[in-house]
Amino acid sequence: MTVRRKPKVPVLGRNPQKKGVCVRIMMFSPKKPNSANRRVAKVCLLTKRTLIAHIPGEGHNLQQYSVVLVRGGRVRDLPGVKCRLVRNKYDLQPVAKRVTSRSKYGRKNWKAHI
């Protein structure tokens, strides 16, 4: 008998990513001992379910009704935030002036275009 594992992000089901539309852009403050303003977006998936997703990297161009791609992956210092948005997909632009860890933030290799 095979045991089926419960997904860590039930809203995504068994899908690695899902497409959604931003309903609202907000800022959350993290748990102790951290202090900052973390940018998050309330996203309505195409299955009509809503969730709160973290916007990774510095700066973003999101506004209401922007189309985004949501993936799993929780943010450790934000309770209840279990999803992240994928940079450089649909309306979410990559992080500008990123040199290291570019693949996480959707940045192409700037040296190749010189």
PDB file of N, CA and C in Angstrom:
ATOM      1  N   MET A   1       0.841  -1.184   0.000  1.00  0.00           N
ATOM      2  CA  MET A   1       0.000   0.000   0.000  1.00  0.00           C
ATOM      3  C   MET A   1       0.885   1.246   0.000  1.00  0.00           C
ATOM      4  N   THR A   2       0.642   2.135  -0.927  1.00  0.00           N
ATOM      5  CA  THR A   2       1.418   3.365  -0.977  1.00  0.00           C
ATOM      6  C   THR A   2       0.693   4.463  -0.215  1.00  0.00           C
ATOM      7  N   VAL A   3       1.472   5.209   0.548  1.00  0.00           N
ATOM      8  CA  VAL A   3       0.906   6.298   1.332  1.00  0.00           C
ATOM      9  C   VAL A   3       1.101   7.590   0.553  1.00  0.00           C
ATOM     10  N   ARG A   4       0.025   8.307   0.329  1.00  0.00           N
ATOM     11  CA  ARG A   4       0.095   9.565  -0.396  1.00  0.00           C
ATOM     12  C   ARG A   4       0.396  10.687   0.575  1.00  0.00           C
ATOM     13  N   ARG A   5       1.471  11.435   0.294  1.00  0.00           N
ATOM     14  CA  ARG A   5       1.846  12.534   1.184  1.00  0.00           C
ATOM     15  C   ARG A   5       0.927  13.723   0.985  1.00  0.00           C
ATOM     16  N   LYS A   6       0.674  14.418   2.069  1.00  0.00           N
ATOM     17  CA  LYS A   6      -0.129  15.631   2.001  1.00  0.00           C
ATOM     18  C   LYS A   6       0.739  16.759   1.453  1.00  0.00           C
ATOM     19  N   PRO A   7       0.256  17.539   0.481  1.00  0.00           N
ATOM     20  CA  PRO A   7       1.087  18.624  -0.062  1.00  0.00           C
ATOM     21  C   PRO A   7       1.314  19.724   0.966  1.00  0.00           C
ATOM     22  N   LYS A   8       2.519  20.316   0.931  1.00  0.00           N
ATOM     23  CA  LYS A   8       2.838  21.387   1.878  1.00  0.00           C
ATOM     24  C   LYS A   8       2.065  22.656   1.557  1.00  0.00           C
ATOM     25  N   VAL A   9       1.747  22.850   0.287  1.00  0.00           N
ATOM     26  CA  VAL A   9       0.955  24.013  -0.125  1.00  0.00           C
ATOM     27  C   VAL A   9      -0.350  23.478  -0.721  1.00  0.00           C
ATOM     28  N   PRO A  10      -1.387  23.304   0.103  1.00  0.00           N
ATOM     29  CA  PRO A  10      -2.612  22.681  -0.394  1.00  0.00           C
ATOM     30  C   PRO A  10      -3.304  23.474  -1.502  1.00  0.00           C
ATOM     31  N   VAL A  11      -3.098  24.795  -1.534  1.00  0.00           N
ATOM     32  CA  VAL A  11      -3.766  25.612  -2.550  1.00  0.00           C
ATOM     33  C   VAL A  11      -3.261  25.258  -3.947  1.00  0.00           C
ATOM     34  N   LEU A  12      -1.969  24.929  -4.054  1.00  0.00           N
ATOM     35  CA  LEU A  12      -1.413  24.557  -5.352  1.00  0.00           C
ATOM     36  C   LEU A  12      -1.772  23.129  -5.733  1.00  0.00           C
ATOM     37  N   GLY A  13      -2.232  22.348  -4.786  1.00  0.00           N
ATOM     38  CA  GLY A  13      -2.547  20.953  -5.059  1.00  0.00           C
ATOM     39  C   GLY A  13      -1.284  20.177  -5.351  1.00  0.00           C
ATOM     40  N   ARG A  14      -1.298  19.405  -6.424  1.00  0.00           N
ATOM     41  CA  ARG A  14      -0.109  18.644  -6.805  1.00  0.00           C
ATOM     42  C   ARG A  14       0.629  19.307  -7.966  1.00  0.00           C
ATOM     43  N   ASN A  15       0.380  20.590  -8.172  1.00  0.00           N
ATOM     44  CA  ASN A  15       1.019  21.312  -9.272  1.00  0.00           C
ATOM     45  C   ASN A  15       2.265  22.035  -8.783  1.00  0.00           C
ATOM     46  N   PRO A  16       3.336  22.063  -9.585  1.00  0.00           N
ATOM     47  CA  PRO A  16       4.541  22.792  -9.173  1.00  0.00           C
ATOM     48  C   PRO A  16       4.347  24.302  -9.185  1.00  0.00           C
ATOM     49  N   GLN A  17       3.585  24.822 -10.160  1.00  0.00           N
ATOM     50  CA  GLN A  17       3.286  26.254 -10.230  1.00  0.00           C
ATOM     51  C   GLN A  17       1.848  26.440 -10.687  1.00  0.00           C
ATOM     52  N   LYS A  18       1.331  27.624 -10.385  1.00  0.00           N
ATOM     53  CA  LYS A  18       0.000  27.987 -10.883  1.00  0.00           C
ATOM     54  C   LYS A  18      -0.009  29.457 -11.265  1.00  0.00           C
ATOM     55  N   LYS A  19      -0.844  29.787 -12.232  1.00  0.00           N
ATOM     56  CA  LYS A  19      -0.982  31.158 -12.706  1.00  0.00           C
ATOM     57  C   LYS A  19      -2.064  31.853 -11.893  1.00  0.00           C
ATOM     58  N   GLY A  20      -1.848  33.128 -11.604  1.00  0.00           N
ATOM     59  CA  GLY A  20      -2.830  33.867 -10.833  1.00  0.00           C
ATOM     60  C   GLY A  20      -2.808  35.351 -11.160  1.00  0.00           C
ATOM     61  N   VAL A  21      -3.749  36.067 -10.546  1.00  0.00           N
ATOM     62  CA  VAL A  21      -3.882  37.507 -10.747  1.00  0.00           C
ATOM     63  C   VAL A  21      -3.766  38.192  -9.393  1.00  0.00           C
ATOM     64  N   CYS A  22      -2.953  39.248  -9.321  1.00  0.00           N
ATOM     65  CA  CYS A  22      -2.779  39.986  -8.066  1.00  0.00           C
ATOM     66  C   CYS A  22      -4.058  40.736  -7.727  1.00  0.00           C
ATOM     67  N   VAL A  23      -4.500  40.563  -6.498  1.00  0.00           N
ATOM     68  CA  VAL A  23      -5.672  41.276  -6.014  1.00  0.00           C
ATOM     69  C   VAL A  23      -5.235  42.505  -5.225  1.00  0.00           C
ATOM     70  N   ARG A  24      -4.134  42.353  -4.478  1.00  0.00           N
ATOM     71  CA  ARG A  24      -3.678  43.444  -3.620  1.00  0.00           C
ATOM     72  C   ARG A  24      -2.195  43.257  -3.315  1.00  0.00           C
ATOM     73  N   ILE A  25      -1.449  44.350  -3.205  1.00  0.00           N
ATOM     74  CA  ILE A  25      -0.040  44.327  -2.817  1.00  0.00           C
ATOM     75  C   ILE A  25       0.040  44.882  -1.401  1.00  0.00           C
ATOM     76  N   MET A  26       0.705  44.128  -0.499  1.00  0.00           N
ATOM     77  CA  MET A  26       0.743  44.515   0.910  1.00  0.00           C
ATOM     78  C   MET A  26       2.167  44.411   1.440  1.00  0.00           C
ATOM     79  N   MET A  27       2.353  44.883   2.678  1.00  0.00           N
ATOM     80  CA  MET A  27       3.609  44.724   3.394  1.00  0.00           C
ATOM     81  C   MET A  27       3.314  44.055   4.725  1.00  0.00           C
ATOM     82  N   PHE A  28       4.087  43.010   5.047  1.00  0.00           N
ATOM     83  CA  PHE A  28       3.967  42.327   6.331  1.00  0.00           C
ATOM     84  C   PHE A  28       5.233  42.578   7.123  1.00  0.00           C
ATOM     85  N   SER A  29       5.113  42.595   8.446  1.00  0.00           N
ATOM     86  CA  SER A  29       6.301  42.667   9.298  1.00  0.00           C
ATOM     87  C   SER A  29       6.603  41.263   9.803  1.00  0.00           C
ATOM     88  N   PRO A  30       7.877  40.862   9.818  1.00  0.00           N
ATOM     89  CA  PRO A  30       8.234  39.489  10.174  1.00  0.00           C
ATOM     90  C   PRO A  30       8.185  39.233  11.671  1.00  0.00           C
ATOM     91  N   LYS A  31       8.347  37.938  11.998  1.00  0.00           N
ATOM     92  CA  LYS A  31       8.376  37.519  13.400  1.00  0.00           C
ATOM     93  C   LYS A  31       9.656  38.003  14.064  1.00  0.00           C
ATOM     94  N   LYS A  32       9.652  37.991  15.381  1.00  0.00           N
ATOM     95  CA  LYS A  32      10.871  38.284  16.143  1.00  0.00           C
ATOM     96  C   LYS A  32      11.903  37.222  15.819  1.00  0.00           C
ATOM     97  N   PRO A  33      13.191  37.543  15.841  1.00  0.00           N
ATOM     98  CA  PRO A  33      13.852  38.803  16.151  1.00  0.00           C
ATOM     99  C   PRO A  33      14.066  39.689  14.918  1.00  0.00           C
ATOM    100  N   ASN A  34      13.492  39.332  13.764  1.00  0.00           N
ATOM    101  CA  ASN A  34      13.724  40.111  12.542  1.00  0.00           C
ATOM    102  C   ASN A  34      12.829  41.344  12.493  1.00  0.00           C
ATOM    103  N   SER A  35      13.290  42.339  11.757  1.00  0.00           N
ATOM    104  CA  SER A  35      12.460  43.527  11.565  1.00  0.00           C
ATOM    105  C   SER A  35      12.698  44.065  10.165  1.00  0.00           C
ATOM    106  N   ALA A  36      11.614  44.244   9.432  1.00  0.00           N
ATOM    107  CA  ALA A  36      11.669  44.776   8.070  1.00  0.00           C
ATOM    108  C   ALA A  36      10.235  44.932   7.599  1.00  0.00           C
ATOM    109  N   ASN A  37      10.072  45.290   6.351  1.00  0.00           N
ATOM    110  CA  ASN A  37       8.761  45.275   5.715  1.00  0.00           C
ATOM    111  C   ASN A  37       8.857  44.340   4.523  1.00  0.00           C
ATOM    112  N   ARG A  38       8.275  43.175   4.633  1.00  0.00           N
ATOM    113  CA  ARG A  38       8.316  42.185   3.559  1.00  0.00           C
ATOM    114  C   ARG A  38       7.153  42.434   2.603  1.00  0.00           C
ATOM    115  N   ARG A  39       7.454  42.481   1.313  1.00  0.00           N
ATOM    116  CA  ARG A  39       6.402  42.704   0.312  1.00  0.00           C
ATOM    117  C   ARG A  39       5.721  41.382  -0.010  1.00  0.00           C
ATOM    118  N   VAL A  40       4.411  41.380   0.064  1.00  0.00           N
ATOM    119  CA  VAL A  40       3.625  40.202  -0.281  1.00  0.00           C
ATOM    120  C   VAL A  40       2.477  40.637  -1.188  1.00  0.00           C
ATOM    121  N   ALA A  41       1.920  39.665  -1.890  1.00  0.00           N
ATOM    122  CA  ALA A  41       0.798  39.935  -2.783  1.00  0.00           C
ATOM    123  C   ALA A  41      -0.312  38.946  -2.488  1.00  0.00           C
ATOM    124  N   LYS A  42      -1.526  39.443  -2.450  1.00  0.00           N
ATOM    125  CA  LYS A  42      -2.683  38.561  -2.357  1.00  0.00           C
ATOM    126  C   LYS A  42      -3.044  38.187  -3.784  1.00  0.00           C
ATOM    127  N   VAL A  43      -3.010  36.890  -4.076  1.00  0.00           N
ATOM    128  CA  VAL A  43      -3.157  36.408  -5.443  1.00  0.00           C
ATOM    129  C   VAL A  43      -4.401  35.533  -5.536  1.00  0.00           C
ATOM    130  N   CYS A  44      -5.196  35.764  -6.564  1.00  0.00           N
ATOM    131  CA  CYS A  44      -6.343  34.911  -6.862  1.00  0.00           C
ATOM    132  C   CYS A  44      -5.923  33.987  -8.000  1.00  0.00           C
ATOM    133  N   LEU A  45      -5.886  32.682  -7.722  1.00  0.00           N
ATOM    134  CA  LEU A  45      -5.500  31.720  -8.743  1.00  0.00           C
ATOM    135  C   LEU A  45      -6.626  31.560  -9.756  1.00  0.00           C
ATOM    136  N   LEU A  46      -6.321  30.900 -10.872  1.00  0.00           N
ATOM    137  CA  LEU A  46      -7.342  30.685 -11.885  1.00  0.00           C
ATOM    138  C   LEU A  46      -8.395  29.694 -11.415  1.00  0.00           C
ATOM    139  N   THR A  47      -8.128  29.002 -10.303  1.00  0.00           N
ATOM    140  CA  THR A  47      -9.117  28.103  -9.709  1.00  0.00           C
ATOM    141  C   THR A  47     -10.005  28.830  -8.708  1.00  0.00           C
ATOM    142  N   LYS A  48      -9.932  30.177  -8.682  1.00  0.00           N
ATOM    143  CA  LYS A  48     -10.733  31.050  -7.816  1.00  0.00           C
ATOM    144  C   LYS A  48     -10.366  30.952  -6.336  1.00  0.00           C
ATOM    145  N   ARG A  49      -9.228  30.366  -6.009  1.00  0.00           N
ATOM    146  CA  ARG A  49      -8.762  30.324  -4.622  1.00  0.00           C
ATOM    147  C   ARG A  49      -7.730  31.424  -4.425  1.00  0.00           C
ATOM    148  N   THR A  50      -7.764  32.064  -3.262  1.00  0.00           N
ATOM    149  CA  THR A  50      -6.823  33.147  -2.992  1.00  0.00           C
ATOM    150  C   THR A  50      -5.759  32.685  -2.019  1.00  0.00           C
ATOM    151  N   LEU A  51      -4.584  33.293  -2.124  1.00  0.00           N
ATOM    152  CA  LEU A  51      -3.482  32.986  -1.221  1.00  0.00           C
ATOM    153  C   LEU A  51      -2.603  34.214  -1.104  1.00  0.00           C
ATOM    154  N   ILE A  52      -1.697  34.175  -0.122  1.00  0.00           N
ATOM    155  CA  ILE A  52      -0.732  35.259   0.067  1.00  0.00           C
ATOM    156  C   ILE A  52       0.632  34.730  -0.351  1.00  0.00           C
ATOM    157  N   ALA A  53       1.292  35.426  -1.271  1.00  0.00           N
ATOM    158  CA  ALA A  53       2.580  34.987  -1.809  1.00  0.00           C
ATOM    159  C   ALA A  53       3.616  36.081  -1.608  1.00  0.00           C
ATOM    160  N   HIS A  54       4.850  35.648  -1.342  1.00  0.00           N
ATOM    161  CA  HIS A  54       5.965  36.562  -1.120  1.00  0.00           C
ATOM    162  C   HIS A  54       6.538  37.011  -2.465  1.00  0.00           C
ATOM    163  N   ILE A  55       6.943  38.278  -2.531  1.00  0.00           N
ATOM    164  CA  ILE A  55       7.591  38.814  -3.731  1.00  0.00           C
ATOM    165  C   ILE A  55       9.093  38.840  -3.457  1.00  0.00           C
ATOM    166  N   PRO A  56       9.878  37.924  -4.047  1.00  0.00           N
ATOM    167  CA  PRO A  56      11.306  37.868  -3.727  1.00  0.00           C
ATOM    168  C   PRO A  56      12.092  38.993  -4.384  1.00  0.00           C
ATOM    169  N   GLY A  57      13.237  39.319  -3.796  1.00  0.00           N
ATOM    170  CA  GLY A  57      14.135  40.314  -4.367  1.00  0.00           C
ATOM    171  C   GLY A  57      13.787  41.735  -3.978  1.00  0.00           C
ATOM    172  N   GLU A  58      14.664  42.654  -4.388  1.00  0.00           N
ATOM    173  CA  GLU A  58      14.485  44.071  -4.061  1.00  0.00           C
ATOM    174  C   GLU A  58      13.708  44.760  -5.170  1.00  0.00           C
ATOM    175  N   GLY A  59      12.629  45.416  -4.800  1.00  0.00           N
ATOM    176  CA  GLY A  59      11.821  46.164  -5.752  1.00  0.00           C
ATOM    177  C   GLY A  59      10.970  45.258  -6.629  1.00  0.00           C
ATOM    178  N   HIS A  60       9.850  45.799  -7.102  1.00  0.00           N
ATOM    179  CA  HIS A  60       8.985  45.055  -8.011  1.00  0.00           C
ATOM    180  C   HIS A  60       8.110  46.045  -8.761  1.00  0.00           C
ATOM    181  N   ASN A  61       7.450  45.563  -9.802  1.00  0.00           N
ATOM    182  CA  ASN A  61       6.593  46.415 -10.625  1.00  0.00           C
ATOM    183  C   ASN A  61       5.136  45.974 -10.558  1.00  0.00           C
ATOM    184  N   LEU A  62       4.776  45.202  -9.552  1.00  0.00           N
ATOM    185  CA  LEU A  62       3.426  44.653  -9.484  1.00  0.00           C
ATOM    186  C   LEU A  62       2.414  45.702  -9.071  1.00  0.00           C
ATOM    187  N   GLN A  63       1.225  45.563  -9.601  1.00  0.00           N
ATOM    188  CA  GLN A  63       0.090  46.350  -9.161  1.00  0.00           C
ATOM    189  C   GLN A  63      -1.148  45.467  -9.293  1.00  0.00           C
ATOM    190  N   GLN A  64      -2.287  46.022  -8.961  1.00  0.00           N
ATOM    191  CA  GLN A  64      -3.508  45.235  -9.003  1.00  0.00           C
ATOM    192  C   GLN A  64      -3.769  44.741 -10.426  1.00  0.00           C
ATOM    193  N   TYR A  65      -4.231  43.506 -10.536  1.00  0.00           N
ATOM    194  CA  TYR A  65      -4.554  42.820 -11.797  1.00  0.00           C
ATOM    195  C   TYR A  65      -3.323  42.419 -12.598  1.00  0.00           C
ATOM    196  N   SER A  66      -2.132  42.436 -12.002  1.00  0.00           N
ATOM    197  CA  SER A  66      -0.958  41.902 -12.683  1.00  0.00           C
ATOM    198  C   SER A  66      -1.043  40.378 -12.684  1.00  0.00           C
ATOM    199  N   VAL A  67      -0.643  39.768 -13.790  1.00  0.00           N
ATOM    200  CA  VAL A  67      -0.648  38.307 -13.908  1.00  0.00           C
ATOM    201  C   VAL A  67       0.700  37.787 -13.434  1.00  0.00           C
ATOM    202  N   VAL A  68       0.688  36.782 -12.541  1.00  0.00           N
ATOM    203  CA  VAL A  68       1.919  36.262 -11.948  1.00  0.00           C
ATOM    204  C   VAL A  68       1.902  34.737 -11.956  1.00  0.00           C
ATOM    205  N   LEU A  69       3.081  34.158 -11.740  1.00  0.00           N
ATOM    206  CA  LEU A  69       3.225  32.717 -11.595  1.00  0.00           C
ATOM    207  C   LEU A  69       3.612  32.430 -10.152  1.00  0.00           C
ATOM    208  N   VAL A  70       2.865  31.540  -9.495  1.00  0.00           N
ATOM    209  CA  VAL A  70       3.062  31.233  -8.080  1.00  0.00           C
ATOM    210  C   VAL A  70       3.716  29.869  -7.964  1.00  0.00           C
ATOM    211  N   ARG A  71       4.733  29.771  -7.103  1.00  0.00           N
ATOM    212  CA  ARG A  71       5.361  28.484  -6.806  1.00  0.00           C
ATOM    213  C   ARG A  71       5.337  28.267  -5.309  1.00  0.00           C
ATOM    214  N   GLY A  72       5.653  27.070  -4.881  1.00  0.00           N
ATOM    215  CA  GLY A  72       5.711  26.771  -3.458  1.00  0.00           C
ATOM    216  C   GLY A  72       6.990  27.304  -2.845  1.00  0.00           C
ATOM    217  N   GLY A  73       7.093  27.226  -1.539  1.00  0.00           N
ATOM    218  CA  GLY A  73       8.276  27.679  -0.827  1.00  0.00           C
ATOM    219  C   GLY A  73       7.912  28.716   0.201  1.00  0.00           C
ATOM    220  N   ARG A  74       7.996  28.330   1.449  1.00  0.00           N
ATOM    221  CA  ARG A  74       7.533  29.243   2.490  1.00  0.00           C
ATOM    222  C   ARG A  74       8.582  30.282   2.841  1.00  0.00           C
ATOM    223  N   VAL A  75       8.131  31.339   3.501  1.00  0.00           N
ATOM    224  CA  VAL A  75       9.010  32.377   4.011  1.00  0.00           C
ATOM    225  C   VAL A  75       9.077  32.163   5.509  1.00  0.00           C
ATOM    226  N   ARG A  76      10.274  31.910   6.031  1.00  0.00           N
ATOM    227  CA  ARG A  76      10.397  31.433   7.410  1.00  0.00           C
ATOM    228  C   ARG A  76       9.965  32.445   8.449  1.00  0.00           C
ATOM    229  N   ASP A  77      10.108  33.745   8.162  1.00  0.00           N
ATOM    230  CA  ASP A  77       9.760  34.721   9.193  1.00  0.00           C
ATOM    231  C   ASP A  77       8.405  35.390   8.952  1.00  0.00           C
ATOM    232  N   LEU A  78       7.616  34.871   8.028  1.00  0.00           N
ATOM    233  CA  LEU A  78       6.252  35.376   7.811  1.00  0.00           C
ATOM    234  C   LEU A  78       5.257  34.236   8.028  1.00  0.00           C
ATOM    235  N   PRO A  79       4.528  34.251   9.136  1.00  0.00           N
ATOM    236  CA  PRO A  79       3.574  33.173   9.396  1.00  0.00           C
ATOM    237  C   PRO A  79       2.444  33.176   8.361  1.00  0.00           C
ATOM    238  N   GLY A  80       2.124  32.006   7.853  1.00  0.00           N
ATOM    239  CA  GLY A  80       1.012  31.870   6.919  1.00  0.00           C
ATOM    240  C   GLY A  80       1.359  32.096   5.467  1.00  0.00           C
ATOM    241  N   VAL A  81       2.596  32.520   5.170  1.00  0.00           N
ATOM    242  CA  VAL A  81       2.999  32.744   3.778  1.00  0.00           C
ATOM    243  C   VAL A  81       3.764  31.509   3.318  1.00  0.00           C
ATOM    244  N   LYS A  82       3.143  30.717   2.445  1.00  0.00           N
ATOM    245  CA  LYS A  82       3.733  29.446   2.024  1.00  0.00           C
ATOM    246  C   LYS A  82       4.049  29.402   0.539  1.00  0.00           C
ATOM    247  N   CYS A  83       3.902  30.524  -0.147  1.00  0.00           N
ATOM    248  CA  CYS A  83       4.149  30.573  -1.592  1.00  0.00           C
ATOM    249  C   CYS A  83       5.038  31.754  -1.934  1.00  0.00           C
ATOM    250  N   ARG A  84       5.681  31.654  -3.104  1.00  0.00           N
ATOM    251  CA  ARG A  84       6.489  32.747  -3.622  1.00  0.00           C
ATOM    252  C   ARG A  84       6.091  32.990  -5.070  1.00  0.00           C
ATOM    253  N   LEU A  85       6.424  34.166  -5.556  1.00  0.00           N
ATOM    254  CA  LEU A  85       6.174  34.484  -6.957  1.00  0.00           C
ATOM    255  C   LEU A  85       7.446  34.251  -7.762  1.00  0.00           C
ATOM    256  N   VAL A  86       7.291  33.897  -9.022  1.00  0.00           N
ATOM    257  CA  VAL A  86       8.423  33.635  -9.909  1.00  0.00           C
ATOM    258  C   VAL A  86       8.740  34.920 -10.669  1.00  0.00           C
ATOM    259  N   ARG A  87       9.996  35.371 -10.554  1.00  0.00           N
ATOM    260  CA  ARG A  87      10.414  36.595 -11.244  1.00  0.00           C
ATOM    261  C   ARG A  87      10.619  36.315 -12.731  1.00  0.00           C
ATOM    262  N   ASN A  88      10.464  37.350 -13.547  1.00  0.00           N
ATOM    263  CA  ASN A  88      10.661  37.310 -15.001  1.00  0.00           C
ATOM    264  C   ASN A  88       9.676  36.366 -15.694  1.00  0.00           C
ATOM    265  N   LYS A  89       8.470  36.259 -15.147  1.00  0.00           N
ATOM    266  CA  LYS A  89       7.416  35.468 -15.773  1.00  0.00           C
ATOM    267  C   LYS A  89       6.146  36.295 -15.748  1.00  0.00           C
ATOM    268  N   TYR A  90       5.474  36.379 -16.881  1.00  0.00           N
ATOM    269  CA  TYR A  90       4.263  37.193 -17.041  1.00  0.00           C
ATOM    270  C   TYR A  90       4.562  38.658 -16.712  1.00  0.00           C
ATOM    271  N   ASP A  91       3.850  39.261 -15.768  1.00  0.00           N
ATOM    272  CA  ASP A  91       3.998  40.700 -15.530  1.00  0.00           C
ATOM    273  C   ASP A  91       5.085  41.062 -14.518  1.00  0.00           C
ATOM    274  N   LEU A  92       5.650  40.100 -13.804  1.00  0.00           N
ATOM    275  CA  LEU A  92       6.652  40.392 -12.772  1.00  0.00           C
ATOM    276  C   LEU A  92       8.042  40.434 -13.404  1.00  0.00           C
ATOM    277  N   GLN A  93       8.664  41.600 -13.402  1.00  0.00           N
ATOM    278  CA  GLN A  93       9.971  41.783 -14.034  1.00  0.00           C
ATOM    279  C   GLN A  93      11.085  41.218 -13.157  1.00  0.00           C
ATOM    280  N   PRO A  94      12.273  40.930 -13.744  1.00  0.00           N
ATOM    281  CA  PRO A  94      13.392  40.444 -12.938  1.00  0.00           C
ATOM    282  C   PRO A  94      13.958  41.548 -12.053  1.00  0.00           C
ATOM    283  N   VAL A  95      14.793  41.140 -11.098  1.00  0.00           N
ATOM    284  CA  VAL A  95      15.442  42.104 -10.211  1.00  0.00           C
ATOM    285  C   VAL A  95      16.514  42.839 -11.012  1.00  0.00           C
ATOM    286  N   ALA A  96      16.492  44.160 -10.966  1.00  0.00           N
ATOM    287  CA  ALA A  96      17.459  44.956 -11.717  1.00  0.00           C
ATOM    288  C   ALA A  96      18.822  44.924 -11.032  1.00  0.00           C
ATOM    289  N   LYS A  97      19.888  44.967 -11.827  1.00  0.00           N
ATOM    290  CA  LYS A  97      21.269  45.046 -11.338  1.00  0.00           C
ATOM    291  C   LYS A  97      21.639  43.885 -10.429  1.00  0.00           C
ATOM    292  N   ARG A  98      21.157  42.689 -10.729  1.00  0.00           N
ATOM    293  CA  ARG A  98      21.480  41.510  -9.930  1.00  0.00           C
ATOM    294  C   ARG A  98      22.688  40.827 -10.558  1.00  0.00           C
ATOM    295  N   VAL A  99      23.729  40.544  -9.758  1.00  0.00           N
ATOM    296  CA  VAL A  99      24.949  39.932 -10.286  1.00  0.00           C
ATOM    297  C   VAL A  99      25.086  38.494  -9.805  1.00  0.00           C
ATOM    298  N   THR A 100      24.790  38.225  -8.530  1.00  0.00           N
ATOM    299  CA  THR A 100      24.884  36.873  -7.991  1.00  0.00           C
ATOM    300  C   THR A 100      23.491  36.284  -7.802  1.00  0.00           C
ATOM    301  N   SER A 101      23.408  34.974  -7.806  1.00  0.00           N
ATOM    302  CA  SER A 101      22.142  34.231  -7.640  1.00  0.00           C
ATOM    303  C   SER A 101      21.098  34.698  -8.650  1.00  0.00           C
ATOM    304  N   ARG A 102      21.534  34.904  -9.900  1.00  0.00           N
ATOM    305  CA  ARG A 102      20.642  35.476 -10.898  1.00  0.00           C
ATOM    306  C   ARG A 102      19.470  34.574 -11.243  1.00  0.00           C
ATOM    307  N   SER A 103      19.670  33.263 -11.209  1.00  0.00           N
ATOM    308  CA  SER A 103      18.596  32.356 -11.627  1.00  0.00           C
ATOM    309  C   SER A 103      17.401  32.415 -10.686  1.00  0.00           C
ATOM    310  N   LYS A 104      17.618  32.789  -9.435  1.00  0.00           N
ATOM    311  CA  LYS A 104      16.507  32.878  -8.484  1.00  0.00           C
ATOM    312  C   LYS A 104      15.656  34.108  -8.723  1.00  0.00           C
ATOM    313  N   TYR A 105      16.218  35.115  -9.381  1.00  0.00           N
ATOM    314  CA  TYR A 105      15.526  36.384  -9.541  1.00  0.00           C
ATOM    315  C   TYR A 105      15.259  36.738 -10.999  1.00  0.00           C
ATOM    316  N   GLY A 106      15.430  35.773 -11.906  1.00  0.00           N
ATOM    317  CA  GLY A 106      15.060  35.966 -13.303  1.00  0.00           C
ATOM    318  C   GLY A 106      15.951  36.889 -14.098  1.00  0.00           C
ATOM    319  N   ARG A 107      17.188  37.064 -13.667  1.00  0.00           N
ATOM    320  CA  ARG A 107      18.095  38.005 -14.324  1.00  0.00           C
ATOM    321  C   ARG A 107      18.954  37.266 -15.341  1.00  0.00           C
ATOM    322  N   LYS A 108      19.004  37.771 -16.580  1.00  0.00           N
ATOM    323  CA  LYS A 108      19.876  37.195 -17.600  1.00  0.00           C
ATOM    324  C   LYS A 108      21.315  37.620 -17.330  1.00  0.00           C
ATOM    325  N   ASN A 109      22.264  36.958 -17.990  1.00  0.00           N
ATOM    326  CA  ASN A 109      23.674  37.286 -17.832  1.00  0.00           C
ATOM    327  C   ASN A 109      23.974  38.588 -18.571  1.00  0.00           C
ATOM    328  N   TRP A 110      24.289  39.627 -17.823  1.00  0.00           N
ATOM    329  CA  TRP A 110      24.528  40.937 -18.427  1.00  0.00           C
ATOM    330  C   TRP A 110      25.855  40.988 -19.155  1.00  0.00           C
ATOM    331  N   LYS A 111      26.824  40.117 -18.813  1.00  0.00           N
ATOM    332  CA  LYS A 111      28.131  40.124 -19.470  1.00  0.00           C
ATOM    333  C   LYS A 111      28.041  39.609 -20.906  1.00  0.00           C
ATOM    334  N   ALA A 112      27.071  38.770 -21.188  1.00  0.00           N
ATOM    335  CA  ALA A 112      26.960  38.191 -22.525  1.00  0.00           C
ATOM    336  C   ALA A 112      26.529  39.220 -23.560  1.00  0.00           C
ATOM    337  N   HIS A 113      25.978  40.344 -23.133  1.00  0.00           N
ATOM    338  CA  HIS A 113      25.470  41.339 -24.071  1.00  0.00           C
ATOM    339  C   HIS A 113      26.418  42.518 -24.266  1.00  0.00           C
ATOM    340  N   ILE A 114      27.644  42.423 -23.731  1.00  0.00           N
ATOM    341  CA  ILE A 114      28.604  43.528 -23.858  1.00  0.00           C
ATOM    342  C   ILE A 114      29.437  43.345 -25.107  1.00  0.00           C
TER     343      ILE A 114
END
